[in-house]
Amino acid sequence: MNTIEEFVIKFAEQFESEDRESIKASTRYKDLEEWDSLTVLTIISMVNSTYNVELIGADVRGANTVEELYNLVVSRM
């Protein structure tokens, strides 16, 4: 399993214009300027291809921080 740090890096890579270095495990990703429905789909795709875990939009909406999303992914592995 990848670590939380690796997950944060992969998560941050899904953003084009955000300062990727500013995204941390504690980041409330819904507050990011670039956060939108397309980003949700990109995150879902990244999780599916990298971790072989299927998420739906409600899963992403239900978490608040990158760490909470990571914990959800880990719980489904």
PDB file of N, CA and C in Angstrom:
ATOM      1  N   MET A   1       0.839  -1.191   0.000  1.00  0.00           N
ATOM      2  CA  MET A   1       0.000   0.000   0.000  1.00  0.00           C
ATOM      3  C   MET A   1       0.873   1.241   0.000  1.00  0.00           C
ATOM      4  N   ASN A   2       0.451   2.180  -0.729  1.00  0.00           N
ATOM      5  CA  ASN A   2       1.141   3.460  -0.736  1.00  0.00           C
ATOM      6  C   ASN A   2       0.870   4.205   0.564  1.00  0.00           C
ATOM      7  N   THR A   3       1.770   5.064   0.921  1.00  0.00           N
ATOM      8  CA  THR A   3       1.633   5.846   2.146  1.00  0.00           C
ATOM      9  C   THR A   3       0.734   7.058   1.906  1.00  0.00           C
ATOM     10  N   ILE A   4       0.361   7.699   2.983  1.00  0.00           N
ATOM     11  CA  ILE A   4      -0.430   8.927   2.877  1.00  0.00           C
ATOM     12  C   ILE A   4       0.333   9.986   2.096  1.00  0.00           C
ATOM     13  N   GLU A   5       1.641  10.029   2.269  1.00  0.00           N
ATOM     14  CA  GLU A   5       2.448  11.016   1.550  1.00  0.00           C
ATOM     15  C   GLU A   5       2.384  10.778   0.042  1.00  0.00           C
ATOM     16  N   GLU A   6       2.455   9.506  -0.361  1.00  0.00           N
ATOM     17  CA  GLU A   6       2.365   9.184  -1.786  1.00  0.00           C
ATOM     18  C   GLU A   6       0.974   9.504  -2.332  1.00  0.00           C
ATOM     19  N   PHE A   7      -0.048   9.248  -1.528  1.00  0.00           N
ATOM     20  CA  PHE A   7      -1.413   9.566  -1.941  1.00  0.00           C
ATOM     21  C   PHE A   7      -1.571  11.070  -2.139  1.00  0.00           C
ATOM     22  N   VAL A   8      -1.031  11.852  -1.230  1.00  0.00           N
ATOM     23  CA  VAL A   8      -1.125  13.312  -1.337  1.00  0.00           C
ATOM     24  C   VAL A   8      -0.458  13.789  -2.627  1.00  0.00           C
ATOM     25  N   ILE A   9       0.686  13.233  -2.954  1.00  0.00           N
ATOM     26  CA  ILE A   9       1.384  13.612  -4.192  1.00  0.00           C
ATOM     27  C   ILE A   9       0.531  13.275  -5.406  1.00  0.00           C
ATOM     28  N   LYS A  10      -0.010  12.057  -5.445  1.00  0.00           N
ATOM     29  CA  LYS A  10      -0.857  11.651  -6.573  1.00  0.00           C
ATOM     30  C   LYS A  10      -2.112  12.520  -6.651  1.00  0.00           C
ATOM     31  N   PHE A  11      -2.688  12.837  -5.498  1.00  0.00           N
ATOM     32  CA  PHE A  11      -3.857  13.709  -5.447  1.00  0.00           C
ATOM     33  C   PHE A  11      -3.505  15.077  -6.025  1.00  0.00           C
ATOM     34  N   ALA A  12      -2.412  15.647  -5.578  1.00  0.00           N
ATOM     35  CA  ALA A  12      -1.999  16.985  -6.023  1.00  0.00           C
ATOM     36  C   ALA A  12      -1.693  17.018  -7.517  1.00  0.00           C
ATOM     37  N   GLU A  13      -1.206  15.917  -8.059  1.00  0.00           N
ATOM     38  CA  GLU A  13      -0.885  15.858  -9.486  1.00  0.00           C
ATOM     39  C   GLU A  13      -2.119  15.993 -10.370  1.00  0.00           C
ATOM     40  N   GLN A  14      -3.293  15.844  -9.816  1.00  0.00           N
ATOM     41  CA  GLN A  14      -4.528  15.933 -10.593  1.00  0.00           C
ATOM     42  C   GLN A  14      -4.940  17.376 -10.867  1.00  0.00           C
ATOM     43  N   PHE A  15      -4.245  18.320 -10.258  1.00  0.00           N
ATOM     44  CA  PHE A  15      -4.561  19.734 -10.428  1.00  0.00           C
ATOM     45  C   PHE A  15      -3.579  20.374 -11.390  1.00  0.00           C
ATOM     46  N   GLU A  16      -4.090  21.226 -12.260  1.00  0.00           N
ATOM     47  CA  GLU A  16      -3.238  21.890 -13.238  1.00  0.00           C
ATOM     48  C   GLU A  16      -2.642  23.185 -12.709  1.00  0.00           C
ATOM     49  N   SER A  17      -3.456  24.004 -12.084  1.00  0.00           N
ATOM     50  CA  SER A  17      -2.969  25.333 -11.722  1.00  0.00           C
ATOM     51  C   SER A  17      -2.730  25.538 -10.233  1.00  0.00           C
ATOM     52  N   GLU A  18      -3.185  24.619  -9.397  1.00  0.00           N
ATOM     53  CA  GLU A  18      -2.954  24.769  -7.956  1.00  0.00           C
ATOM     54  C   GLU A  18      -1.465  24.631  -7.655  1.00  0.00           C
ATOM     55  N   ASP A  19      -1.039  25.281  -6.601  1.00  0.00           N
ATOM     56  CA  ASP A  19       0.317  25.099  -6.101  1.00  0.00           C
ATOM     57  C   ASP A  19       0.357  23.726  -5.437  1.00  0.00           C
ATOM     58  N   ARG A  20       0.880  22.760  -6.133  1.00  0.00           N
ATOM     59  CA  ARG A  20       0.853  21.371  -5.661  1.00  0.00           C
ATOM     60  C   ARG A  20       1.545  21.193  -4.319  1.00  0.00           C
ATOM     61  N   GLU A  21       2.552  22.000  -4.068  1.00  0.00           N
ATOM     62  CA  GLU A  21       3.278  21.907  -2.796  1.00  0.00           C
ATOM     63  C   GLU A  21       2.406  22.320  -1.615  1.00  0.00           C
ATOM     64  N   SER A  22       1.370  23.092  -1.885  1.00  0.00           N
ATOM     65  CA  SER A  22       0.511  23.563  -0.799  1.00  0.00           C
ATOM     66  C   SER A  22      -0.537  22.531  -0.391  1.00  0.00           C
ATOM     67  N   ILE A  23      -0.698  21.481  -1.180  1.00  0.00           N
ATOM     68  CA  ILE A  23      -1.690  20.451  -0.858  1.00  0.00           C
ATOM     69  C   ILE A  23      -1.063  19.455   0.108  1.00  0.00           C
ATOM     70  N   LYS A  24      -1.681  19.328   1.263  1.00  0.00           N
ATOM     71  CA  LYS A  24      -1.214  18.451   2.345  1.00  0.00           C
ATOM     72  C   LYS A  24      -2.326  17.479   2.712  1.00  0.00           C
ATOM     73  N   ALA A  25      -2.032  16.536   3.596  1.00  0.00           N
ATOM     74  CA  ALA A  25      -3.042  15.586   4.058  1.00  0.00           C
ATOM     75  C   ALA A  25      -4.209  16.307   4.714  1.00  0.00           C
ATOM     76  N   SER A  26      -3.939  17.407   5.363  1.00  0.00           N
ATOM     77  CA  SER A  26      -4.979  18.150   6.085  1.00  0.00           C
ATOM     78  C   SER A  26      -5.750  19.138   5.210  1.00  0.00           C
ATOM     79  N   THR A  27      -5.385  19.232   3.944  1.00  0.00           N
ATOM     80  CA  THR A  27      -6.038  20.182   3.047  1.00  0.00           C
ATOM     81  C   THR A  27      -7.508  19.834   2.855  1.00  0.00           C
ATOM     82  N   ARG A  28      -8.355  20.828   3.022  1.00  0.00           N
ATOM     83  CA  ARG A  28      -9.785  20.687   2.725  1.00  0.00           C
ATOM     84  C   ARG A  28      -9.925  20.931   1.222  1.00  0.00           C
ATOM     85  N   TYR A  29      -9.928  19.842   0.469  1.00  0.00           N
ATOM     86  CA  TYR A  29      -9.805  19.958  -0.978  1.00  0.00           C
ATOM     87  C   TYR A  29     -10.977  20.682  -1.641  1.00  0.00           C
ATOM     88  N   LYS A  30     -12.132  20.683  -1.031  1.00  0.00           N
ATOM     89  CA  LYS A  30     -13.277  21.389  -1.619  1.00  0.00           C
ATOM     90  C   LYS A  30     -13.074  22.906  -1.586  1.00  0.00           C
ATOM     91  N   ASP A  31     -12.133  23.362  -0.775  1.00  0.00           N
ATOM     92  CA  ASP A  31     -11.827  24.792  -0.694  1.00  0.00           C
ATOM     93  C   ASP A  31     -10.801  25.235  -1.735  1.00  0.00           C
ATOM     94  N   LEU A  32     -10.215  24.292  -2.465  1.00  0.00           N
ATOM     95  CA  LEU A  32      -9.220  24.639  -3.474  1.00  0.00           C
ATOM     96  C   LEU A  32      -9.899  25.356  -4.636  1.00  0.00           C
ATOM     97  N   GLU A  33      -9.247  26.361  -5.149  1.00  0.00           N
ATOM     98  CA  GLU A  33      -9.808  27.180  -6.224  1.00  0.00           C
ATOM     99  C   GLU A  33     -10.169  26.347  -7.450  1.00  0.00           C
ATOM    100  N   GLU A  34      -9.367  25.371  -7.768  1.00  0.00           N
ATOM    101  CA  GLU A  34      -9.555  24.572  -8.976  1.00  0.00           C
ATOM    102  C   GLU A  34     -10.566  23.430  -8.798  1.00  0.00           C
ATOM    103  N   TRP A  35     -11.084  23.235  -7.589  1.00  0.00           N
ATOM    104  CA  TRP A  35     -11.986  22.116  -7.317  1.00  0.00           C
ATOM    105  C   TRP A  35     -13.310  22.299  -8.062  1.00  0.00           C
ATOM    106  N   ASP A  36     -13.672  21.287  -8.873  1.00  0.00           N
ATOM    107  CA  ASP A  36     -14.947  21.301  -9.580  1.00  0.00           C
ATOM    108  C   ASP A  36     -15.330  19.865  -9.921  1.00  0.00           C
ATOM    109  N   SER A  37     -16.428  19.688 -10.629  1.00  0.00           N
ATOM    110  CA  SER A  37     -16.917  18.341 -10.927  1.00  0.00           C
ATOM    111  C   SER A  37     -15.945  17.556 -11.808  1.00  0.00           C
ATOM    112  N   LEU A  38     -15.234  18.222 -12.683  1.00  0.00           N
ATOM    113  CA  LEU A  38     -14.246  17.533 -13.515  1.00  0.00           C
ATOM    114  C   LEU A  38     -13.093  17.007 -12.662  1.00  0.00           C
ATOM    115  N   THR A  39     -12.694  17.770 -11.676  1.00  0.00           N
ATOM    116  CA  THR A  39     -11.636  17.323 -10.768  1.00  0.00           C
ATOM    117  C   THR A  39     -12.095  16.106  -9.979  1.00  0.00           C
ATOM    118  N   VAL A  40     -13.358  16.085  -9.573  1.00  0.00           N
ATOM    119  CA  VAL A  40     -13.901  14.916  -8.869  1.00  0.00           C
ATOM    120  C   VAL A  40     -13.733  13.675  -9.737  1.00  0.00           C
ATOM    121  N   LEU A  41     -14.097  13.774 -11.002  1.00  0.00           N
ATOM    122  CA  LEU A  41     -13.965  12.631 -11.911  1.00  0.00           C
ATOM    123  C   LEU A  41     -12.506  12.224 -12.087  1.00  0.00           C
ATOM    124  N   THR A  42     -11.624  13.195 -12.146  1.00  0.00           N
ATOM    125  CA  THR A  42     -10.196  12.911 -12.279  1.00  0.00           C
ATOM    126  C   THR A  42      -9.668  12.185 -11.049  1.00  0.00           C
ATOM    127  N   ILE A  43     -10.082  12.606  -9.863  1.00  0.00           N
ATOM    128  CA  ILE A  43      -9.661  11.953  -8.620  1.00  0.00           C
ATOM    129  C   ILE A  43     -10.201  10.532  -8.571  1.00  0.00           C
ATOM    130  N   ILE A  44     -11.467  10.350  -8.940  1.00  0.00           N
ATOM    131  CA  ILE A  44     -12.066   9.012  -8.957  1.00  0.00           C
ATOM    132  C   ILE A  44     -11.291   8.102  -9.899  1.00  0.00           C
ATOM    133  N   SER A  45     -10.944   8.600 -11.069  1.00  0.00           N
ATOM    134  CA  SER A  45     -10.178   7.819 -12.043  1.00  0.00           C
ATOM    135  C   SER A  45      -8.790   7.473 -11.519  1.00  0.00           C
ATOM    136  N   MET A  46      -8.124   8.438 -10.888  1.00  0.00           N
ATOM    137  CA  MET A  46      -6.788   8.196 -10.324  1.00  0.00           C
ATOM    138  C   MET A  46      -6.845   7.105  -9.266  1.00  0.00           C
ATOM    139  N   VAL A  47      -7.839   7.172  -8.385  1.00  0.00           N
ATOM    140  CA  VAL A  47      -7.967   6.174  -7.317  1.00  0.00           C
ATOM    141  C   VAL A  47      -8.237   4.800  -7.918  1.00  0.00           C
ATOM    142  N   ASN A  48      -9.096   4.744  -8.920  1.00  0.00           N
ATOM    143  CA  ASN A  48      -9.414   3.470  -9.554  1.00  0.00           C
ATOM    144  C   ASN A  48      -8.189   2.861 -10.225  1.00  0.00           C
ATOM    145  N   SER A  49      -7.465   3.654 -10.996  1.00  0.00           N
ATOM    146  CA  SER A  49      -6.320   3.109 -11.727  1.00  0.00           C
ATOM    147  C   SER A  49      -5.112   2.838 -10.836  1.00  0.00           C
ATOM    148  N   THR A  50      -4.906   3.642  -9.816  1.00  0.00           N
ATOM    149  CA  THR A  50      -3.732   3.486  -8.958  1.00  0.00           C
ATOM    150  C   THR A  50      -3.944   2.470  -7.846  1.00  0.00           C
ATOM    151  N   TYR A  51      -5.134   2.478  -7.257  1.00  0.00           N
ATOM    152  CA  TYR A  51      -5.395   1.657  -6.068  1.00  0.00           C
ATOM    153  C   TYR A  51      -6.408   0.542  -6.317  1.00  0.00           C
ATOM    154  N   ASN A  52      -6.958   0.491  -7.536  1.00  0.00           N
ATOM    155  CA  ASN A  52      -7.970  -0.505  -7.883  1.00  0.00           C
ATOM    156  C   ASN A  52      -9.157  -0.447  -6.916  1.00  0.00           C
ATOM    157  N   VAL A  53      -9.539   0.761  -6.543  1.00  0.00           N
ATOM    158  CA  VAL A  53     -10.670   1.010  -5.651  1.00  0.00           C
ATOM    159  C   VAL A  53     -11.651   1.901  -6.405  1.00  0.00           C
ATOM    160  N   GLU A  54     -12.912   1.496  -6.409  1.00  0.00           N
ATOM    161  CA  GLU A  54     -13.931   2.291  -7.080  1.00  0.00           C
ATOM    162  C   GLU A  54     -14.601   3.235  -6.093  1.00  0.00           C
ATOM    163  N   LEU A  55     -14.558   4.509  -6.427  1.00  0.00           N
ATOM    164  CA  LEU A  55     -15.253   5.535  -5.652  1.00  0.00           C
ATOM    165  C   LEU A  55     -16.369   6.103  -6.509  1.00  0.00           C
ATOM    166  N   ILE A  56     -17.347   6.687  -5.855  1.00  0.00           N
ATOM    167  CA  ILE A  56     -18.382   7.433  -6.556  1.00  0.00           C
ATOM    168  C   ILE A  56     -18.349   8.868  -6.040  1.00  0.00           C
ATOM    169  N   GLY A  57     -19.048   9.730  -6.736  1.00  0.00           N
ATOM    170  CA  GLY A  57     -19.042  11.138  -6.359  1.00  0.00           C
ATOM    171  C   GLY A  57     -19.427  11.375  -4.912  1.00  0.00           C
ATOM    172  N   ALA A  58     -20.395  10.601  -4.410  1.00  0.00           N
ATOM    173  CA  ALA A  58     -20.829  10.763  -3.017  1.00  0.00           C
ATOM    174  C   ALA A  58     -19.702  10.459  -2.042  1.00  0.00           C
ATOM    175  N   ASP A  59     -18.819   9.526  -2.399  1.00  0.00           N
ATOM    176  CA  ASP A  59     -17.668   9.213  -1.541  1.00  0.00           C
ATOM    177  C   ASP A  59     -16.759  10.429  -1.421  1.00  0.00           C
ATOM    178  N   VAL A  60     -16.497  11.054  -2.547  1.00  0.00           N
ATOM    179  CA  VAL A  60     -15.610  12.216  -2.567  1.00  0.00           C
ATOM    180  C   VAL A  60     -16.273  13.390  -1.842  1.00  0.00           C
ATOM    181  N   ARG A  61     -17.564  13.552  -2.049  1.00  0.00           N
ATOM    182  CA  ARG A  61     -18.285  14.634  -1.360  1.00  0.00           C
ATOM    183  C   ARG A  61     -18.358  14.398   0.142  1.00  0.00           C
ATOM    184  N   GLY A  62     -18.361  13.134   0.562  1.00  0.00           N
ATOM    185  CA  GLY A  62     -18.484  12.806   1.979  1.00  0.00           C
ATOM    186  C   GLY A  62     -17.229  13.048   2.789  1.00  0.00           C
ATOM    187  N   ALA A  63     -16.087  13.060   2.137  1.00  0.00           N
ATOM    188  CA  ALA A  63     -14.823  13.334   2.826  1.00  0.00           C
ATOM    189  C   ALA A  63     -14.568  14.838   2.772  1.00  0.00           C
ATOM    190  N   ASN A  64     -13.788  15.315   3.715  1.00  0.00           N
ATOM    191  CA  ASN A  64     -13.476  16.749   3.748  1.00  0.00           C
ATOM    192  C   ASN A  64     -12.022  17.055   3.449  1.00  0.00           C
ATOM    193  N   THR A  65     -11.128  16.178   3.876  1.00  0.00           N
ATOM    194  CA  THR A  65      -9.694  16.413   3.687  1.00  0.00           C
ATOM    195  C   THR A  65      -9.100  15.310   2.826  1.00  0.00           C
ATOM    196  N   VAL A  66      -7.911  15.559   2.336  1.00  0.00           N
ATOM    197  CA  VAL A  66      -7.204  14.550   1.551  1.00  0.00           C
ATOM    198  C   VAL A  66      -6.986  13.305   2.406  1.00  0.00           C
ATOM    199  N   GLU A  67      -6.668  13.487   3.668  1.00  0.00           N
ATOM    200  CA  GLU A  67      -6.447  12.345   4.560  1.00  0.00           C
ATOM    201  C   GLU A  67      -7.719  11.520   4.746  1.00  0.00           C
ATOM    202  N   GLU A  68      -8.857  12.159   4.876  1.00  0.00           N
ATOM    203  CA  GLU A  68     -10.115  11.421   5.003  1.00  0.00           C
ATOM    204  C   GLU A  68     -10.388  10.603   3.746  1.00  0.00           C
ATOM    205  N   LEU A  69     -10.099  11.166   2.590  1.00  0.00           N
ATOM    206  CA  LEU A  69     -10.283  10.435   1.341  1.00  0.00           C
ATOM    207  C   LEU A  69      -9.312   9.258   1.272  1.00  0.00           C
ATOM    208  N   TYR A  70      -8.075   9.476   1.669  1.00  0.00           N
ATOM    209  CA  TYR A  70      -7.079   8.401   1.725  1.00  0.00           C
ATOM    210  C   TYR A  70      -7.566   7.270   2.632  1.00  0.00           C
ATOM    211  N   ASN A  71      -8.067   7.616   3.810  1.00  0.00           N
ATOM    212  CA  ASN A  71      -8.547   6.594   4.743  1.00  0.00           C
ATOM    213  C   ASN A  71      -9.706   5.805   4.153  1.00  0.00           C
ATOM    214  N   LEU A  72     -10.565   6.454   3.398  1.00  0.00           N
ATOM    215  CA  LEU A  72     -11.658   5.761   2.725  1.00  0.00           C
ATOM    216  C   LEU A  72     -11.112   4.770   1.703  1.00  0.00           C
ATOM    217  N   VAL A  73     -10.140   5.204   0.919  1.00  0.00           N
ATOM    218  CA  VAL A  73      -9.529   4.322  -0.082  1.00  0.00           C
ATOM    219  C   VAL A  73      -8.903   3.114   0.603  1.00  0.00           C
ATOM    220  N   VAL A  74      -8.138   3.339   1.658  1.00  0.00           N
ATOM    221  CA  VAL A  74      -7.479   2.246   2.386  1.00  0.00           C
ATOM    222  C   VAL A  74      -8.518   1.272   2.935  1.00  0.00           C
ATOM    223  N   SER A  75      -9.624   1.778   3.431  1.00  0.00           N
ATOM    224  CA  SER A  75     -10.654   0.911   4.011  1.00  0.00           C
ATOM    225  C   SER A  75     -11.313   0.016   2.971  1.00  0.00           C
ATOM    226  N   ARG A  76     -11.206   0.366   1.712  1.00  0.00           N
ATOM    227  CA  ARG A  76     -11.831  -0.416   0.640  1.00  0.00           C
ATOM    228  C   ARG A  76     -10.853  -1.326  -0.087  1.00  0.00           C
ATOM    229  N   MET A  77      -9.638  -1.327   0.348  1.00  0.00           N
ATOM    230  CA  MET A  77      -8.636  -2.181  -0.305  1.00  0.00           C
ATOM    231  C   MET A  77      -8.691  -3.583   0.263  1.00  0.00           C
TER     232      MET A  77
END
